[in-house]
């Protein structure tokens, strides 16, 4: 009886370890080449990450019903970042991985209308309703931010800044990780803060 219990326990532990390894394998790793993907945008155009080799690329996981996202858009913070760095040649993709029927899901028309209301100016809004790209990168929250350098290597994975808050006044106080990393890359420097804990609402996968 004790042997049966021990074997059952070991099998259970084995499944837990395997699940953990699979979860880690599906997360984008800083310092490694970013996984290529192809997604349609809200205007029906297809985008592959590999098409932008030679450019710095930002991936921003988006859910306009999340209060953390609302804070960064309604204050103008996120649109300002998008505009500022687009003018410097950075490609910025907002990715919606919410599943149909879940918070943050948008049809292409809804995504465009909300972007217009929020004055958002990414390169494109990419639609990932099956969650395949979100899970490929291990995106956990909205916003969850990734930065890929011109060589196609992931150089930042984490939060937009250092203060987990929905208060507008906290944006000015925070250490702005994404801005810092982009400025360093544009100056030819190594990114000083490569990872941080993302904060926000959980990505609403199916």
Protein backbone atom coordinates (compact mmCIF):
# COMPACT_ATOMS: atom_id res chain seq x y z
CA UNK A 1 0.00 0.00 0.00
CA UNK A 2 2.81 2.40 0.92
CA UNK A 3 4.55 1.56 -2.36
CA UNK A 4 1.38 2.38 -4.35
CA UNK A 5 1.07 5.71 -2.54
CA UNK A 6 4.74 6.51 -3.18
CA UNK A 7 4.48 5.65 -6.89
CA UNK A 8 1.31 7.73 -7.22
CA UNK A 9 3.04 10.65 -5.50
CA UNK A 10 6.10 10.40 -7.76
CA UNK A 11 3.91 10.32 -10.87
CA UNK A 12 2.06 13.40 -9.62
CA UNK A 13 5.33 15.25 -8.96
CA UNK A 14 6.54 14.26 -12.41
CA UNK A 15 3.44 15.77 -14.04
CA UNK A 16 3.91 18.99 -12.04
CA UNK A 17 7.56 19.28 -13.13
CA UNK A 18 6.67 18.57 -16.76
CA UNK A 19 3.92 21.19 -16.71
CA UNK A 20 6.32 23.70 -15.20
CA UNK A 21 8.94 22.99 -17.88
CA UNK A 22 6.36 23.36 -20.66
CA UNK A 23 5.19 26.65 -19.21
CA UNK A 24 8.74 27.96 -19.05
CA UNK A 25 9.42 26.79 -22.60
CA UNK A 26 6.49 28.86 -23.86
CA UNK A 27 7.80 32.09 -22.36
CA UNK A 28 9.90 34.49 -24.39
CA UNK A 29 13.44 34.61 -22.99
CA UNK A 30 15.45 37.81 -22.86
CA UNK A 31 18.72 37.45 -24.72
CA UNK A 32 17.30 34.88 -27.15
CA UNK A 33 15.91 35.47 -30.66
CA UNK A 34 12.26 36.51 -30.46
CA UNK A 35 9.83 33.90 -31.78
CA UNK A 36 8.46 34.78 -35.18
CA UNK A 37 4.72 35.03 -35.63
CA UNK A 38 2.14 36.24 -38.13
CA UNK A 39 -1.09 38.01 -37.17
CA UNK A 40 -3.72 40.05 -38.99
CA UNK A 41 -4.25 43.66 -37.98
CA UNK A 42 -7.53 45.49 -37.45
CA UNK A 43 -7.50 46.58 -41.11
CA UNK A 44 -7.03 43.08 -42.50
CA UNK A 45 -3.32 43.35 -43.27
CA UNK A 46 -1.03 40.49 -42.20
CA UNK A 47 2.15 41.22 -40.22
CA UNK A 48 5.05 38.86 -39.53
CA UNK A 49 7.64 39.81 -36.94
CA UNK A 50 10.39 38.70 -39.31
CA UNK A 51 9.29 41.39 -41.79
CA UNK A 52 10.64 43.99 -39.37
CA UNK A 53 14.16 42.65 -38.93
CA UNK A 54 16.47 45.63 -38.76
CA UNK A 55 13.94 47.63 -36.73
CA UNK A 56 13.36 47.91 -32.99
CA UNK A 57 9.94 46.39 -32.26
CA UNK A 58 7.69 46.91 -29.23
CA UNK A 59 4.93 44.40 -28.42
CA UNK A 60 2.24 45.76 -26.10
CA UNK A 61 -0.50 43.41 -24.87
CA UNK A 62 -3.74 45.37 -24.86
CA UNK A 63 -7.18 45.24 -23.23
CA UNK A 64 -9.03 48.56 -23.24
CA UNK A 65 -11.41 47.35 -20.50
CA UNK A 66 -8.54 46.89 -18.05
CA UNK A 67 -8.23 49.83 -15.60
CA UNK A 68 -4.44 49.72 -15.79
CA UNK A 69 -4.59 50.09 -19.56
CA UNK A 70 -7.25 52.80 -19.22
CA UNK A 71 -4.90 54.76 -16.97
CA UNK A 72 -2.03 54.68 -19.46
CA UNK A 73 -4.28 55.64 -22.38
CA UNK A 74 -6.60 58.21 -20.81
CA UNK A 75 -3.62 60.14 -19.43
CA UNK A 76 -2.12 60.11 -22.92
CA UNK A 77 0.97 58.27 -21.68
CA UNK A 78 0.77 55.23 -24.00
CA UNK A 79 -0.19 57.21 -27.13
CA UNK A 80 2.65 59.63 -26.46
CA UNK A 81 5.15 56.76 -26.24
CA UNK A 82 3.80 55.28 -29.47
CA UNK A 83 4.06 58.59 -31.32
CA UNK A 84 7.46 59.58 -29.91
CA UNK A 85 9.18 56.32 -30.80
CA UNK A 86 7.44 55.86 -34.15
CA UNK A 87 9.07 59.15 -35.14
CA UNK A 88 12.41 57.54 -34.23
CA UNK A 89 11.79 54.49 -36.40
CA UNK A 90 10.49 52.09 -33.74
CA UNK A 91 7.72 49.67 -34.77
CA UNK A 92 5.00 49.45 -32.11
CA UNK A 93 2.40 46.68 -32.19
CA UNK A 94 -0.56 46.54 -29.80
CA UNK A 95 -1.77 42.94 -29.50
CA UNK A 96 -5.24 41.90 -28.33
CA UNK A 97 -5.30 38.28 -27.13
CA UNK A 98 -8.71 38.42 -25.42
CA UNK A 99 -10.94 35.57 -26.59
CA UNK A 100 -14.43 36.18 -28.03
CA UNK A 101 -16.91 36.76 -25.21
CA UNK A 102 -14.19 37.77 -22.74
CA UNK A 103 -13.13 41.15 -21.41
CA UNK A 104 -11.19 43.20 -23.92
CA UNK A 105 -12.18 41.24 -27.01
CA UNK A 106 -12.65 43.47 -30.05
CA UNK A 107 -13.81 43.02 -33.59
CA UNK A 108 -11.55 44.79 -36.09
CA UNK A 109 -14.06 47.64 -36.34
CA UNK A 110 -14.27 48.01 -32.56
CA UNK A 111 -10.49 47.98 -32.24
CA UNK A 112 -10.20 50.82 -34.76
CA UNK A 113 -12.95 52.87 -33.16
CA UNK A 114 -11.46 52.57 -29.66
CA UNK A 115 -7.99 53.42 -30.98
CA UNK A 116 -9.44 56.55 -32.55
CA UNK A 117 -11.16 57.54 -29.28
CA UNK A 118 -8.00 56.92 -27.26
CA UNK A 119 -5.77 58.69 -29.83
CA UNK A 120 -3.67 55.52 -30.05
CA UNK A 121 -1.08 55.47 -32.82
CA UNK A 122 0.64 52.06 -32.91
CA UNK A 123 2.01 50.73 -36.19
CA UNK A 124 -0.91 48.31 -36.07
CA UNK A 125 -3.36 46.63 -33.70
CA UNK A 126 -2.81 42.89 -34.07
CA UNK A 127 -5.67 40.50 -33.36
CA UNK A 128 -4.88 37.22 -31.55
CA UNK A 129 -8.30 35.90 -30.41
CA UNK A 130 -7.03 32.31 -30.21
CA UNK A 131 -4.28 33.50 -27.87
CA UNK A 132 -1.58 31.61 -29.75
CA UNK A 133 0.91 34.48 -29.92
CA UNK A 134 0.15 35.62 -26.39
CA UNK A 135 0.86 32.14 -25.08
CA UNK A 136 3.92 31.82 -27.32
CA UNK A 137 5.41 34.84 -25.59
CA UNK A 138 3.99 34.06 -22.16
CA UNK A 139 2.07 37.35 -22.01
CA UNK A 140 0.43 37.49 -18.59
CA UNK A 141 -1.06 40.95 -18.16
CA UNK A 142 -2.37 44.02 -19.91
CA UNK A 143 -0.18 45.82 -20.45
CA UNK A 144 2.70 43.32 -20.76
CA UNK A 145 5.57 44.81 -22.73
CA UNK A 146 8.28 43.23 -24.86
CA UNK A 147 11.07 44.94 -26.79
CA UNK A 148 12.97 43.28 -29.64
CA UNK A 149 16.16 44.84 -30.95
CA UNK A 150 17.14 45.34 -34.59
CA UNK A 151 18.88 41.94 -34.64
CA UNK A 152 15.64 40.21 -33.67
CA UNK A 153 16.70 39.48 -30.08
CA UNK A 154 14.34 40.01 -27.16
CA UNK A 155 15.95 42.61 -24.89
CA UNK A 156 13.11 43.50 -22.51
CA UNK A 157 10.19 41.58 -20.97
CA UNK A 158 8.02 43.08 -18.25
CA UNK A 159 6.02 46.04 -17.03
CA UNK A 160 5.70 49.41 -18.69
CA UNK A 161 6.98 51.05 -15.50
CA UNK A 162 7.79 50.45 -11.84
CA UNK A 163 4.53 51.40 -10.09
CA UNK A 164 1.54 49.05 -10.18
CA UNK A 165 -1.23 51.62 -10.10
CA UNK A 166 -4.34 52.93 -11.80
CA UNK A 167 -3.74 56.46 -10.47
CA UNK A 168 -2.72 59.03 -13.10
CA UNK A 169 -0.34 60.80 -10.70
CA UNK A 170 1.75 57.64 -10.25
CA UNK A 171 2.85 57.57 -13.89
CA UNK A 172 5.09 60.60 -13.40
CA UNK A 173 6.64 59.07 -10.27
CA UNK A 174 7.42 55.68 -11.81
CA UNK A 175 10.66 54.43 -13.28
CA UNK A 176 9.73 54.10 -16.95
CA UNK A 177 11.25 50.79 -18.01
CA UNK A 178 10.06 50.79 -21.63
CA UNK A 179 11.11 54.37 -22.27
CA UNK A 180 14.50 53.72 -20.66
CA UNK A 181 15.10 50.60 -22.75
CA UNK A 182 14.12 52.27 -26.02
CA UNK A 183 16.31 55.29 -25.32
CA UNK A 184 19.26 53.03 -24.53
CA UNK A 185 18.80 50.99 -27.70
CA UNK A 186 18.54 54.12 -29.84
CA UNK A 187 21.76 55.40 -28.28
CA UNK A 188 23.54 52.12 -29.07
CA UNK A 189 23.69 51.07 -25.43
CA UNK A 190 22.82 47.81 -23.72
CA UNK A 191 19.42 47.73 -22.03
CA UNK A 192 20.08 48.21 -18.31
CA UNK A 193 16.80 46.79 -16.95
CA UNK A 194 16.03 43.69 -18.99
CA UNK A 195 13.16 42.19 -17.00
CA UNK A 196 10.57 43.30 -14.50
CA UNK A 197 7.35 41.83 -13.12
CA UNK A 198 4.47 42.78 -15.43
CA UNK A 199 1.37 44.20 -13.79
CA UNK A 200 -2.20 44.78 -14.85
CA UNK A 201 -5.22 42.60 -15.61
CA UNK A 202 -4.67 39.00 -16.61
CA UNK A 203 -4.79 38.31 -20.33
CA UNK A 204 -8.25 36.88 -21.03
CA UNK A 205 -7.31 33.79 -22.98
CA UNK A 206 -9.95 31.34 -24.20
